[in-house]
Protein backbone atom coordinates (compact mmCIF):
# COMPACT_ATOMS: atom_id res chain seq x y z
CA MET A 1 -6.06 -9.95 -62.82
CA GLY A 2 -8.25 -10.64 -66.03
CA PRO A 3 -12.11 -10.08 -66.35
CA GLN A 4 -12.71 -13.89 -65.52
CA GLY A 5 -11.14 -13.35 -62.05
CA VAL A 6 -12.60 -10.22 -61.56
CA ARG A 7 -16.34 -11.53 -61.75
CA PRO A 8 -16.15 -14.34 -59.19
CA LEU A 9 -14.51 -11.71 -56.44
CA LEU A 10 -17.77 -9.38 -57.23
CA LEU A 11 -19.91 -12.36 -56.85
CA LEU A 12 -18.37 -13.09 -53.52
CA LEU A 13 -18.78 -9.18 -52.24
CA LEU A 14 -22.31 -9.28 -53.76
CA ASP A 15 -23.17 -12.27 -51.85
CA CYS A 16 -21.95 -11.06 -48.46
CA TRP A 17 -23.46 -7.60 -49.02
CA ALA A 18 -26.92 -9.37 -49.56
CA SER A 19 -26.62 -11.62 -46.50
CA VAL A 20 -25.99 -8.37 -44.06
CA SER A 21 -28.77 -6.24 -45.99
CA ALA A 22 -31.43 -9.28 -45.73
CA GLN A 23 -30.51 -9.71 -41.79
CA THR A 24 -30.67 -5.96 -41.22
CA ARG A 25 -34.32 -5.42 -43.00
CA ALA A 26 -35.67 -9.21 -41.84
CA THR A 27 -34.53 -8.62 -38.25
CA PRO A 28 -35.79 -5.41 -36.29
CA PRO A 29 -34.80 -5.47 -32.51
CA VAL A 30 -37.57 -6.44 -30.65
CA PRO A 31 -37.38 -4.75 -27.26
CA THR A 32 -37.97 -7.19 -23.99
CA GLU A 33 -38.94 -5.26 -21.00
CA GLY A 34 -37.71 -5.93 -17.53
CA LEU A 35 -34.19 -5.45 -16.50
CA ASN A 36 -33.65 -9.53 -15.68
CA SER A 37 -34.53 -10.54 -18.88
CA THR A 38 -32.63 -12.06 -21.15
CA GLU A 39 -34.69 -12.84 -24.28
CA ALA A 40 -33.69 -11.18 -27.58
CA ALA A 41 -35.15 -10.87 -31.14
CA ARG A 42 -34.71 -14.03 -33.60
CA THR A 43 -32.89 -13.71 -36.94
CA THR A 44 -34.33 -14.87 -40.24
CA PRO A 45 -32.23 -17.27 -42.51
CA ARG A 46 -30.21 -15.24 -45.33
CA PRO A 47 -32.32 -15.37 -48.68
CA ALA A 48 -30.88 -16.69 -51.82
CA LEU A 49 -29.59 -14.78 -54.60
CA SER A 50 -30.70 -15.11 -57.90
CA PRO A 51 -29.14 -18.07 -59.99
CA ARG A 52 -25.83 -17.27 -61.77
CA PRO A 53 -25.28 -16.99 -65.39
CA SER A 54 -24.39 -19.97 -67.21
CA GLY A 55 -20.47 -20.40 -67.75
CA THR A 56 -19.81 -18.18 -64.41
CA PRO A 57 -17.48 -20.11 -62.12
CA LYS A 58 -18.90 -20.83 -58.71
CA ALA A 59 -17.41 -18.43 -56.02
CA PRO A 60 -16.00 -20.02 -53.02
CA VAL A 61 -18.62 -19.69 -50.38
CA PRO A 62 -17.14 -20.01 -46.45
CA THR A 63 -18.08 -22.70 -44.64
CA SER A 64 -20.98 -22.46 -42.09
CA GLY A 65 -19.55 -22.57 -38.43
CA PRO A 66 -20.56 -21.81 -34.73
CA ARG A 67 -20.72 -18.20 -34.55
CA PRO A 68 -18.23 -16.58 -31.65
CA THR A 69 -19.48 -17.42 -27.93
CA PRO A 70 -19.84 -13.71 -26.28
CA VAL A 71 -17.25 -13.47 -23.35
CA THR A 72 -19.34 -11.23 -21.34
CA ASP A 73 -23.07 -11.18 -20.56
CA VAL A 74 -23.70 -7.58 -21.61
CA ALA A 75 -27.49 -8.12 -19.57
CA ALA A 76 -25.19 -8.45 -15.98
CA LEU A 77 -22.78 -5.76 -17.13
CA CYS A 78 -22.77 -2.44 -15.62
CA VAL A 79 -19.86 -0.28 -16.18
CA CYS A 80 -20.95 2.80 -14.46
CA ASP A 81 -21.74 0.81 -11.17
CA LEU A 82 -18.55 2.28 -9.35
CA THR A 83 -19.92 1.91 -5.38
CA PRO A 84 -20.91 -1.39 -3.77
CA ALA A 85 -24.00 -1.53 -1.99
CA GLN A 86 -25.16 2.17 -3.10
CA CYS A 87 -27.06 3.46 -5.90
CA ASP A 88 -24.84 5.58 -8.20
CA VAL A 89 -26.49 8.66 -9.72
CA ASN A 90 -27.85 8.35 -13.15
CA CYS A 91 -26.78 4.49 -13.32
CA CYS A 92 -29.55 2.99 -14.61
CA CYS A 93 -28.14 -0.68 -14.88
CA ASP A 94 -26.88 -0.31 -11.17
CA PRO A 95 -29.05 -3.22 -9.28
CA ASP A 96 -28.65 -1.37 -6.15
CA CYS A 97 -31.21 1.46 -7.63
CA SER A 98 -34.71 1.13 -6.35
CA SER A 99 -37.70 2.64 -8.18
CA THR A 100 -37.34 5.69 -6.04
CA ASP A 101 -33.94 6.59 -7.01
CA VAL A 102 -34.43 6.03 -10.39
CA SER A 103 -37.32 8.96 -10.47
CA VAL A 104 -35.07 11.60 -9.88
CA PHE A 105 -32.54 10.52 -12.85
CA SER A 106 -32.37 12.92 -15.38
CA ALA A 107 -30.56 10.50 -18.08
CA CYS A 108 -28.88 7.46 -18.54
CA SER A 109 -25.17 7.79 -18.03
CA VAL A 110 -24.59 4.31 -20.26
CA PRO A 111 -27.31 3.93 -22.36
CA VAL A 112 -26.32 1.12 -24.28
CA VAL A 113 -23.80 -1.72 -23.36
CA MET A 114 -22.13 -4.17 -26.07
CA GLY A 115 -19.46 -6.35 -26.68
CA ASP A 116 -17.16 -6.60 -29.43
CA SER A 117 -18.12 -4.61 -32.08
CA GLN A 118 -16.35 -6.52 -34.65
CA PHE A 119 -18.86 -9.22 -34.66
CA CYS A 120 -21.33 -9.40 -36.97
CA SER A 121 -24.24 -10.01 -34.54
CA GLN A 122 -23.96 -9.82 -30.73
CA LYS A 123 -26.41 -8.91 -28.15
CA ALA A 124 -26.80 -5.17 -26.72
CA ALA A 125 -28.27 -3.94 -23.39
CA ILE A 126 -30.16 -0.77 -23.86
CA TYR A 127 -31.03 1.30 -21.24
CA SER A 128 -33.37 4.38 -21.07
CA LEU A 129 -35.87 6.16 -18.87
CA ASN A 130 -40.01 6.42 -19.31
CA PHE A 131 -40.28 10.33 -18.28
CA THR A 132 -43.75 10.08 -19.31
CA ALA A 133 -44.82 7.82 -16.55
CA ASN A 134 -45.38 8.95 -13.11
CA PRO A 135 -43.22 8.35 -11.49
CA PRO A 136 -40.38 7.92 -14.19
CA GLN A 137 -39.45 4.21 -15.07
CA ARG A 138 -36.36 2.40 -15.98
CA ILE A 139 -36.73 0.86 -19.61
CA PHE A 140 -34.29 -2.35 -20.19
CA LYS A 141 -34.08 -3.83 -23.63
CA LEU A 142 -31.85 -6.82 -24.74
CA VAL A 143 -31.18 -7.21 -28.63
CA ASP A 144 -29.88 -8.76 -31.14
CA GLN A 145 -27.16 -5.91 -32.98
CA ILE A 146 -26.48 -6.91 -36.48
CA ASN A 147 -23.05 -5.18 -37.92
CA PRO A 148 -23.73 -3.45 -41.17
CA SER A 149 -20.23 -3.97 -42.10
CA ILE A 150 -19.24 -6.50 -44.44
CA PHE A 151 -16.13 -7.02 -42.53
CA CYS A 152 -17.03 -8.65 -39.74
CA ILE A 153 -16.25 -11.71 -37.58
CA HIS A 154 -18.88 -14.11 -38.69
CA ILE A 155 -17.35 -17.61 -38.09
CA THR A 156 -14.97 -18.47 -35.38
CA ASN A 157 -12.20 -20.59 -37.05
CA TYR A 158 -9.25 -19.80 -34.45
CA LYS A 159 -10.07 -19.73 -30.61
CA PRO A 160 -6.73 -19.06 -29.40
CA ALA A 161 -7.80 -15.46 -31.04
CA LEU A 162 -10.27 -15.14 -28.74
CA SER A 163 -7.80 -14.74 -25.57
CA PHE A 164 -4.42 -13.22 -24.75
CA ILE A 165 -1.66 -15.76 -25.34
CA ASN A 166 0.64 -16.28 -22.32
CA PRO A 167 4.24 -15.03 -22.95
CA GLU A 168 7.14 -17.69 -22.55
CA VAL A 169 8.52 -17.12 -19.28
CA PRO A 170 12.72 -16.41 -19.89
CA ASP A 171 14.50 -18.90 -17.73
CA GLU A 172 18.10 -20.92 -17.73
CA ASN A 173 16.71 -23.31 -19.97
CA ASN A 174 15.09 -21.10 -22.83
CA PHE A 175 16.78 -18.20 -22.75
CA ASP A 176 19.29 -18.32 -25.60
CA LYS A 177 16.27 -19.83 -27.79
CA LEU A 178 14.52 -16.57 -27.23
CA MET A 179 17.36 -14.49 -27.59
CA LYS A 180 17.85 -15.92 -31.04
CA THR A 181 14.11 -14.97 -31.86
CA SER A 182 14.10 -11.98 -30.54
CA ASP A 183 15.47 -8.76 -32.52
CA GLY A 184 17.53 -7.46 -29.46
CA PHE A 185 17.71 -4.73 -27.21
CA SER A 186 16.99 -0.65 -28.40
CA PHE A 187 17.95 2.26 -25.58
CA ASN A 188 17.40 5.91 -26.48
CA SER A 189 19.63 8.52 -24.64
CA GLU A 190 18.31 10.36 -21.46
CA ALA A 191 18.26 13.36 -23.55
CA GLU A 192 15.61 12.22 -26.22
CA ILE A 193 13.37 10.83 -22.93
CA SER A 194 13.47 13.70 -21.16
CA PHE A 195 12.67 15.74 -24.36
CA SER A 196 9.73 13.98 -25.39
CA THR A 197 8.42 13.45 -21.90
CA ARG A 198 8.49 17.25 -21.73
CA SER A 199 7.18 17.94 -24.89
CA ASP A 200 4.12 15.51 -24.73
CA THR A 201 2.86 15.91 -21.18
CA PRO A 202 1.96 19.22 -19.59
CA ALA A 203 3.82 20.28 -16.64
CA PRO A 204 2.03 19.73 -13.37
CA ALA A 205 0.97 22.61 -11.40
CA LYS A 206 1.94 21.33 -8.06
CA TYR A 207 4.34 18.58 -6.69
CA LYS A 208 2.92 15.22 -5.93
CA TYR A 209 3.80 12.40 -3.57
CA GLY A 210 6.94 10.87 -4.54
CA ALA A 211 7.83 13.44 -7.20
CA PRO A 212 11.48 14.30 -7.25
CA LEU A 213 12.52 17.95 -6.12
CA GLN A 214 13.48 20.07 -8.69
CA THR A 215 16.23 22.31 -8.37
CA SER A 216 17.23 25.20 -10.73
CA ASP A 217 19.71 22.67 -12.77
CA SER A 218 18.26 19.32 -12.39
CA PHE A 219 17.00 17.91 -8.82
CA LEU A 220 17.72 18.17 -5.16
CA ARG A 221 20.47 14.99 -4.70
CA PHE A 222 20.05 12.89 -1.76
CA PRO A 223 22.91 10.36 -1.60
CA SER A 224 21.80 6.55 -0.68
CA PRO A 225 23.30 3.33 -0.95
CA LEU A 226 21.99 1.04 -3.75
CA MET A 227 23.25 -2.26 -4.52
CA SER A 228 26.10 -1.81 -1.61
CA SER A 229 26.83 0.49 0.97
CA LEU A 230 28.68 3.14 -1.31
CA CYS A 231 27.17 6.46 -1.66
CA THR A 232 25.28 7.09 -4.74
CA ASP A 233 24.69 10.90 -5.29
CA ASN A 234 22.54 10.45 -8.38
CA ASN A 235 19.21 9.42 -6.15
CA PRO A 236 16.51 12.42 -6.04
CA ALA A 237 14.70 13.31 -3.08
CA ALA A 238 11.15 12.45 -3.43
CA PHE A 239 8.43 14.93 -2.08
CA LEU A 240 6.67 13.74 1.47
CA VAL A 241 8.71 10.93 1.69
CA ASN A 242 10.82 11.25 4.72
CA GLN A 243 14.27 9.43 4.41
CA ALA A 244 17.23 8.73 6.78
CA VAL A 245 20.20 6.79 5.13
CA LYS A 246 23.83 5.74 6.06
CA CYS A 247 26.54 5.18 3.30
CA THR A 248 30.38 4.96 2.89
CA ARG A 249 32.72 6.78 0.57
CA ARG A 250 36.22 5.77 -0.45
CA ILE A 251 38.13 8.72 -0.23
CA ASN A 252 41.88 9.67 -1.06
CA LEU A 253 42.98 11.82 1.87
CA GLU A 254 45.11 13.86 -0.38
CA GLN A 255 42.38 14.63 -2.76
CA CYS A 256 39.55 15.60 -0.37
CA GLU A 257 39.59 19.14 -1.34
CA LYS A 258 38.63 18.64 -4.85
CA ILE A 259 35.90 15.83 -3.80
CA GLU A 260 32.66 17.75 -3.71
CA ALA A 261 30.53 15.50 -1.91
CA LEU A 262 32.67 16.41 1.47
CA GLY A 263 31.89 20.23 0.92
CA MET A 264 29.19 22.40 2.40
CA ALA A 265 28.45 24.09 -0.96
CA TYR A 266 27.41 20.40 -2.49
CA TYR A 267 24.58 20.62 -0.26
CA SER A 268 23.70 24.19 0.61
CA SER A 269 24.11 25.71 -3.05
CA PRO A 270 21.15 23.84 -4.85
CA LYS A 271 17.69 25.98 -5.26
CA ILE A 272 14.66 24.13 -4.99
CA LEU A 273 11.89 25.17 -7.22
CA ARG A 274 8.61 26.05 -5.73
CA VAL A 275 6.42 23.80 -7.88
CA PRO A 276 7.71 21.71 -11.06
CA ASP A 277 8.98 23.56 -14.16
CA LEU A 278 8.43 26.92 -12.76
CA ARG A 279 11.30 29.38 -12.20
CA THR A 280 10.70 30.37 -8.94
CA GLU A 281 13.50 29.45 -6.27
CA ILE A 282 13.44 28.54 -2.88
CA PRO A 283 17.12 28.44 -1.40
CA VAL A 284 18.55 25.89 1.30
CA THR A 285 19.23 28.00 4.25
CA VAL A 286 21.69 26.79 6.65
CA GLN A 287 20.28 26.76 10.02
CA SER A 288 22.90 24.87 12.19
CA VAL A 289 26.51 23.67 11.63
CA LEU A 290 28.52 21.41 14.36
CA VAL A 291 32.02 20.43 14.28
CA GLN A 292 33.33 17.41 15.53
CA SER A 293 36.86 16.90 16.48
CA LEU A 294 38.86 13.75 16.41
CA ASN A 295 37.99 13.08 20.12
CA LYS A 296 34.35 13.04 19.49
CA THR A 297 33.84 16.42 21.29
CA LEU A 298 31.06 18.94 19.51
CA THR A 299 31.49 22.70 19.03
CA ARG A 300 28.55 24.39 17.39
CA LEU A 301 29.42 27.60 14.87
CA GLU A 302 27.51 31.04 15.89
CA ASP A 303 28.38 31.97 12.04
CA THR A 304 26.96 29.92 9.29
CA VAL A 305 29.41 31.09 6.54
CA ARG A 306 30.14 28.54 4.28
CA LEU A 307 33.31 26.41 5.21
CA ASN A 308 35.42 24.32 2.90
CA GLN A 309 37.45 21.43 3.46
CA ILE A 310 41.03 21.86 4.14
CA LEU A 311 43.81 19.73 3.95
CA VAL A 312 46.55 20.13 6.78
CA GLU A 313 50.05 18.77 7.16
CA ALA A 314 51.80 18.33 10.29
CA GLY A 315 55.04 16.40 9.51
CA ASP A 316 53.72 13.05 8.10
CA VAL A 317 50.31 13.17 9.46
CA LYS A 318 47.71 14.40 7.11
CA ILE A 319 44.38 15.59 8.40
CA CYS A 320 41.37 16.69 6.34
CA THR A 321 38.94 19.25 8.17
CA ASN A 322 35.33 20.77 7.65
CA VAL A 323 34.62 17.45 6.01
CA VAL A 324 30.57 16.82 6.03
CA LEU A 325 29.65 13.54 8.27
CA GLU A 326 25.73 14.13 8.30
CA VAL A 327 23.10 16.13 6.22
CA LYS A 328 19.83 16.98 7.65
CA TYR A 329 17.07 18.68 5.75
CA SER A 330 13.87 20.36 6.92
CA ILE A 331 11.52 20.77 3.75
CA THR A 332 8.45 23.05 4.59
CA TYR A 333 5.43 22.73 2.34
CA THR A 334 2.14 23.97 1.62
CA ASP A 335 -1.28 22.20 1.57
CA ALA A 336 -1.18 23.16 -2.43
CA GLY A 337 1.88 21.00 -3.11
CA GLU A 338 4.58 23.77 -2.98
CA VAL A 339 7.86 23.85 -1.54
CA ALA A 340 7.64 27.08 1.07
CA GLN A 341 11.05 26.87 3.04
CA ALA A 342 13.84 24.47 2.92
CA GLY A 343 16.25 24.26 5.64
CA LEU A 344 19.83 22.78 6.40
CA ALA A 345 21.64 21.23 9.52
CA LEU A 346 25.44 19.70 9.04
CA LEU A 347 27.65 18.24 11.10
CA LEU A 348 31.27 18.51 10.39
CA GLY A 349 34.26 16.67 11.23
CA THR A 350 38.05 15.64 11.03
CA VAL A 351 39.14 12.86 8.74
CA SER A 352 42.88 11.23 9.44
CA ARG A 353 44.75 8.97 6.94
CA ALA A 354 43.55 5.82 9.49
CA VAL A 355 40.03 6.56 7.74
CA VAL A 356 39.91 4.46 4.57
CA ALA A 357 36.12 4.43 4.10
CA LEU A 358 34.12 7.38 5.11
CA GLU A 359 30.71 6.89 6.53
CA GLN A 360 28.02 9.75 6.31
CA LYS A 361 24.65 10.17 7.52
CA PHE A 362 21.69 12.01 5.12
CA GLU A 363 18.23 12.71 6.49
CA ILE A 364 15.31 14.54 4.91
CA TYR A 365 11.85 15.55 6.31
CA PHE A 366 8.59 17.42 5.55
CA ILE A 367 6.52 19.57 7.76
CA GLN A 368 3.40 21.06 6.57
CA GLN A 369 3.22 25.07 7.00
CA ASN A 370 1.10 26.37 9.25
CA THR A 371 0.54 23.44 11.39
CA LYS A 372 1.42 22.43 15.43
CA PRO A 373 2.23 19.22 16.70
CA VAL A 374 0.09 17.18 18.55
CA PRO A 375 0.79 17.32 22.25
CA LEU A 376 1.31 14.24 24.45
CA SER A 377 1.28 13.57 27.84
CA GLY A 378 4.59 11.51 27.57
CA ASN A 379 7.03 9.84 25.38
CA PRO A 380 6.60 7.07 25.74
CA GLY A 381 5.75 7.08 29.59
CA TYR A 382 3.30 9.36 31.39
CA VAL A 383 4.91 12.52 32.85
CA VAL A 384 3.61 13.73 36.24
CA GLY A 385 0.84 16.69 36.14
CA LEU A 386 -0.14 15.89 32.59
CA PRO A 387 -3.77 14.55 31.63
CA LEU A 388 -4.96 10.85 31.16
CA ALA A 389 -5.38 10.15 27.54
CA ALA A 390 -8.71 8.23 27.35
CA GLY A 391 -11.50 7.77 24.86
CA PHE A 392 -13.81 5.08 23.67
CA ARG A 393 -14.57 2.49 21.25
CA PRO A 394 -18.60 3.00 19.30
CA GLN A 395 -18.26 -0.32 18.00
CA LYS A 396 -15.88 -3.19 17.55
CA GLY A 397 -13.27 -3.64 14.74
CA SER A 398 -13.22 0.61 14.97
CA GLY A 399 -10.19 2.56 16.74
CA ILE A 400 -10.25 4.79 19.75
CA ILE A 401 -12.17 8.18 19.54
CA GLN A 402 -10.93 10.86 21.22
CA THR A 403 -11.98 14.38 22.02
CA MET A 404 -9.58 17.27 20.62
CA ASN A 405 -9.39 18.65 23.91
CA ARG A 406 -6.80 16.55 25.67
CA PHE A 407 -7.83 18.05 29.17
CA GLY A 408 -11.21 16.83 28.69
CA GLN A 409 -11.15 13.11 27.74
CA LEU A 410 -11.21 12.04 31.41
CA THR A 411 -12.58 14.20 33.85
CA ILE A 412 -14.27 14.51 37.56
CA LEU A 413 -16.46 17.45 39.27
CA ARG A 414 -14.54 20.42 40.11
CA SER A 415 -15.28 21.84 43.83
CA LEU A 416 -16.80 25.45 44.02
CA ALA A 417 -16.94 27.83 46.91
CA GLU A 418 -20.76 27.49 46.83
CA GLN A 419 -20.53 23.87 47.19
CA ASP A 420 -23.67 23.57 45.05
CA CYS A 421 -23.83 20.87 42.21
CA PHE A 422 -26.13 22.60 40.09
CA ALA A 423 -23.75 25.44 39.99
CA VAL A 424 -20.98 23.46 38.81
CA GLU A 425 -22.88 21.54 36.44
CA GLY A 426 -20.69 21.25 33.31
CA ILE A 427 -17.41 22.38 35.11
CA ARG A 428 -15.17 19.64 35.00
CA ALA A 429 -11.16 19.19 36.10
CA PRO A 430 -8.88 16.94 34.16
CA VAL A 431 -7.56 13.69 35.88
CA LEU A 432 -3.64 14.18 35.89
CA PHE A 433 -1.15 11.52 36.26
CA GLY A 434 0.00 11.17 39.78
CA TYR A 435 -2.22 13.32 41.53
CA ASP A 436 -4.74 12.23 43.85
CA MET A 437 -7.69 14.29 43.88
CA GLN A 438 -11.07 14.54 45.75
CA SER A 439 -13.73 17.01 44.93
CA GLY A 440 -17.63 17.36 46.17
CA CYS A 441 -20.75 19.15 46.31
CA LYS A 442 -24.13 19.14 47.86
CA LEU A 443 -27.04 18.30 45.70
CA ARG A 444 -30.59 19.78 46.77
CA LEU A 445 -33.48 17.68 45.58
CA PRO A 446 -36.79 18.79 45.73
CA LYS A 447 -39.45 16.72 47.73
CA ALA A 448 -41.47 16.22 44.52
CA MET A 449 -38.50 14.51 42.77
CA THR A 450 -38.56 10.79 42.42
CA CYS A 451 -35.69 8.47 42.82
CA GLN A 452 -35.25 7.19 39.42
CA LEU A 453 -34.85 10.61 37.97
CA ALA A 454 -32.67 11.60 40.96
CA VAL A 455 -30.74 8.51 40.00
CA ARG A 456 -30.02 9.75 36.35
CA ARG A 457 -29.31 13.37 37.54
CA VAL A 458 -26.43 12.14 39.84
CA LYS A 459 -25.08 9.74 37.37
CA SER A 460 -24.95 12.95 34.90
CA LEU A 461 -23.41 14.96 37.65
CA LEU A 462 -20.41 12.25 38.28
CA GLN A 463 -19.79 10.74 34.92
CA GLY A 464 -20.11 13.95 32.88
CA GLN A 465 -21.04 14.12 29.29
CA GLY A 466 -19.05 11.17 28.07
CA PHE A 467 -17.34 8.74 30.75
CA PRO A 468 -14.57 6.86 28.51
CA ASP A 469 -14.11 3.41 28.13
CA TYR A 470 -10.46 2.99 27.78
CA VAL A 471 -7.02 4.71 28.91
CA ALA A 472 -4.11 4.75 27.26
CA PRO A 473 -1.23 2.65 28.71
CA PHE A 474 1.31 5.11 27.61
CA GLY A 475 1.37 9.06 26.85
CA ASN A 476 2.09 8.62 23.16
CA SER A 477 -0.23 5.53 22.54
CA GLN A 478 -2.04 5.57 19.42
CA ALA A 479 -5.61 5.35 18.69
CA GLN A 480 -5.25 2.83 16.47
CA ASP A 481 -3.47 0.42 18.61
CA VAL A 482 -6.78 -0.80 20.15
CA LEU A 483 -5.57 -3.80 21.64
CA ASP A 484 -2.81 -1.92 23.75
CA TRP A 485 -5.36 0.57 25.70
CA VAL A 486 -6.29 -0.34 29.14
CA PRO A 487 -10.43 -0.92 29.41
CA VAL A 488 -12.20 0.70 32.42
CA HIS A 489 -13.30 -1.78 34.35
CA PHE A 490 -17.19 -0.03 35.92
CA ILE A 491 -18.26 -1.10 39.14
CA THR A 492 -21.64 -0.42 40.95
CA GLN A 493 -21.27 -0.89 44.71
CA ALA A 494 -24.83 -0.49 46.58
CA SER A 495 -25.54 -0.18 50.63
CA HIS A 496 -26.35 -3.10 52.52
CA MET A 497 -29.91 -1.99 53.38
CA LYS A 498 -32.25 -3.33 51.05
CA ASP A 499 -33.89 -0.21 49.46
CA SER A 500 -35.97 -0.35 45.83
CA CYS A 501 -33.95 2.37 44.84
CA GLN A 502 -29.99 3.20 45.27
CA LEU A 503 -29.17 6.93 44.92
CA PRO A 504 -25.15 7.22 43.78
CA VAL A 505 -23.53 9.42 46.13
CA ALA A 506 -19.75 9.03 45.16
CA LEU A 507 -17.10 8.13 42.20
CA VAL A 508 -14.10 6.37 43.09
CA ILE A 509 -11.45 6.06 40.06
CA GLU A 510 -8.66 4.05 41.00
CA VAL A 511 -5.86 4.13 38.52
CA LYS A 512 -2.78 1.60 38.83
CA TRP A 513 0.47 2.09 36.99
CA THR A 514 4.08 0.45 37.08
CA LYS A 515 7.36 1.02 36.14
CA TYR A 516 8.56 0.00 32.59
CA GLY A 517 11.64 -0.28 31.09
CA SER A 518 15.46 0.10 32.17
CA LEU A 519 16.00 0.62 35.79
CA LEU A 520 17.85 3.90 34.51
CA ASN A 521 15.06 5.36 33.08
CA PRO A 522 11.73 3.66 34.08
CA GLN A 523 8.83 4.79 32.06
CA ALA A 524 5.13 4.85 33.97
CA LYS A 525 2.72 2.73 32.27
CA ILE A 526 -1.14 2.52 33.48
CA VAL A 527 -2.01 -1.26 33.63
CA ASN A 528 -5.52 -1.10 35.28
CA VAL A 529 -8.16 1.58 35.89
CA THR A 530 -11.08 0.93 38.14
CA ALA A 531 -14.26 3.29 38.06
CA SER A 532 -16.63 2.56 41.35
CA LEU A 533 -19.77 4.14 41.64
CA LEU A 534 -20.84 4.01 45.29
CA SER A 535 -24.73 4.44 46.11
CA SER A 536 -26.91 4.44 49.00
CA SER A 537 -30.65 4.59 50.26
CA PHE A 538 -32.67 7.56 49.01
CA PRO A 539 -32.74 10.24 51.95
CA GLU A 540 -36.00 11.33 53.60
CA THR A 541 -37.46 14.62 53.80
CA ASN A 542 -35.81 16.68 56.42
CA SER A 543 -37.32 19.90 57.35
CA GLY A 544 -38.78 21.82 54.60
CA ASN A 545 -39.52 20.76 51.00
CA GLU A 546 -35.73 19.60 50.02
CA ARG A 547 -33.60 16.99 50.27
CA THR A 548 -29.58 17.22 50.67
CA VAL A 549 -27.14 14.82 49.19
CA LEU A 550 -23.23 15.06 49.44
CA ILE A 551 -21.73 13.86 45.77
CA SER A 552 -18.06 13.57 46.06
CA THR A 553 -15.37 11.96 43.43
CA VAL A 554 -11.91 10.63 44.59
CA VAL A 555 -9.12 9.74 42.37
CA THR A 556 -6.26 7.87 43.52
CA PHE A 557 -2.97 6.62 41.60
CA VAL A 558 -1.40 3.14 43.02
CA ASP A 559 2.07 2.09 42.15
CA ALA A 560 1.70 -1.64 41.16
CA SER A 561 5.36 -2.07 40.34
CA ALA A 562 7.62 -5.09 41.65
CA PRO A 563 10.46 -4.32 43.59
CA ALA A 564 13.37 -4.07 41.19
CA GLU A 565 16.13 -6.77 41.73
CA ALA A 566 19.44 -6.32 40.16
CA GLY A 567 20.23 -9.50 38.20
CA PHE A 568 23.46 -11.23 37.80
CA ARG A 569 24.66 -13.72 35.41
CA ALA A 570 25.99 -16.98 36.47
CA ARG A 571 29.44 -17.24 37.48
CA PRO A 572 31.56 -18.64 34.29
CA THR A 573 32.66 -22.21 34.84
CA ILE A 574 35.98 -23.11 33.30
CA ASN A 575 35.78 -26.43 31.05
CA ALA A 576 39.28 -26.95 30.60
CA LYS A 577 40.97 -30.39 29.81
CA LEU A 578 44.41 -31.10 30.22
CA PRO A 579 46.56 -33.68 28.04
CA PHE A 580 46.33 -36.84 29.82
CA ASN A 581 50.10 -37.04 30.18
CA PHE A 582 50.22 -33.80 31.87
CA PHE A 583 51.80 -34.71 35.03
CA PHE A 584 54.21 -37.30 33.59
CA PRO A 585 56.11 -38.58 34.97
CA PHE A 586 55.24 -37.72 38.59
CA VAL A 587 51.61 -39.81 38.19
C-alpha cells in the first residue's frame, strides 16, 4: 500500500476516534434516582472535524443506521435474585427486599448490570448504598454507557447475528447433503480420553451418586443386558444405584472351565477402592454360597472357599459344575461417600448339554453404615400385637406426619392400681392391632371447678396430647400416600338430658378391618376407624367438697370381612361342527 492509500485509512480512524471522544466528553452519565425509573442521559451529536486538505481523496464513511436494540432490559434484570418471594442478602436489585432489609446490607453483591459490552452505546443499571442516610438506603441509576473502544458495534446491518441460528436437523431427506458438507467424524482413543480427564480434573475425594465404583485395576463390573438379552460384562456398577437384572450367556459346554464369567473368582477377586483414585482397597467378602443341583435342590456350603467350575464327563453325558447362576453384592457406605465394606452372595449350579443359553441374575444394593431399618407393623398387612400406625395431616397437600415413637402414635389411658386420673396423666398405652382393650380411672373434681374447665381437662385425659387424624391401612403404608390412609371419624354423643354443659366420660375407638388378598395368605387391612366421645350431665356435689367422675376408654376391633366364597369357572362348552356328510349314507 502506497502513501496515497495510507492517508485515507488514517483519516477514517481519526474520524471514528474523534466521534467516540466527543461522545465520551459531551455525555456524562446522568443518574436517575428510584428503582423503577427508566430515564437516562441524552447523547450529544458527534462534532464535525476540520476540513480535509485539498487533493485528499474522500474516505468512505459508514452509512448511518439504527443502533442495536437491547435484547434484555437491564433495569428489570436482577442476576442475584436467586430465591423467589424472599429477599437475598446484599442483592440491591431484588424487588422483594424492603427498606428494613436494605438497611442491614453491607454492600451490593452485583453493583453494575449491563448487556453486551461490545456495543458502542448501551444501557447500564448501577446499584449502590447510601450509608450516610439513617437508615441506609438503596440508590439506583440507569445511565448510557459509552464504549471507548473504536472497535465496537455501532450499526446493525445483519440482524440474524443477534441470535443463534437453529441448526438443520438431519433426516432421511437431507442426510446425504449434510454428509457432503461436513468434514467427517473423528474419534479419540480411550487412552487419550482417560489421560486428559485425569490430568485436567482433580480427583474427587468421595464417591458421588452414579459414579462408577473403582477397583485396583479398573471398575467393579456389573453384567447387564444392553441392546439384547445377552450379558455385557463391561457395564460398571454405579454408586448408590440399586439394580437387579437378568441376562443370558451363550456358552459352549466344553469351554466352560475357560469362561471367566462363570466362575466365583470373577466376582470375588476385585478389590474396591474406598474413595476414587486412592489406593486404599476394600476386598469383596464372600458371605454365603448356595449350590443348586439338577433337580433344583439347594445346599448351603459351610465353607466359603473359592470353587472353580469343573467339566465332568460320564459316558456321553457332559455337565459343568460350580457355575455361577446368581450374584448379589451388598455395599456398605459411610455418610462421607466412602465404601466401608463389600459383601457377596453366590448361587452355584450345574449346567448340562441341554442348556444352550444360560440365564444369570445380578443384584447390587447399598446400605448406609450405622443405620437401623425402620420397624413396621406388618408387611403389608398388620400383625396381631403390633401398634397401629397413625398420624395427622397439618394442611391440605402435605403428607402424613408421624412421631418417631411408633408405640405413641395412637394411645389410650393406662390403668394403674391407684385408679387416680391425675396419677396416670401422661402415661399412655399403645393401641395394638387385634387386642380389645379397656382402661379407666377416677377423676376427683374440686367443688369450685366449673363445667367448662372440667370438659377441657377430661378431653385432654382421654385424647392425649395429639390425637391422630389418620390411620395407616397397612402396616407398611408410606406417609406420602395420603389418599390410601384411613381418616378417623370423630363423633360426639351427648346424654338425653338437656343440660347446658355435658362432661365427656368415655372414649370408644372402633377399628374395622378386613382380610385382603389371597385366601391362602390373607393380609389384615384397616378400612374404618371411629372415635366416639360419650358425654353425660355434670355431676352434682356429693358429701364433701369434691365431685367424683369415672373416666374410661374402650378399643374394639371388628372383623368386617365378607365370607370367602370359592369361585369356579364356567364349564367349557364344546363348539365342534361336523362335516355335512358325516352320517352319509345313513342319513
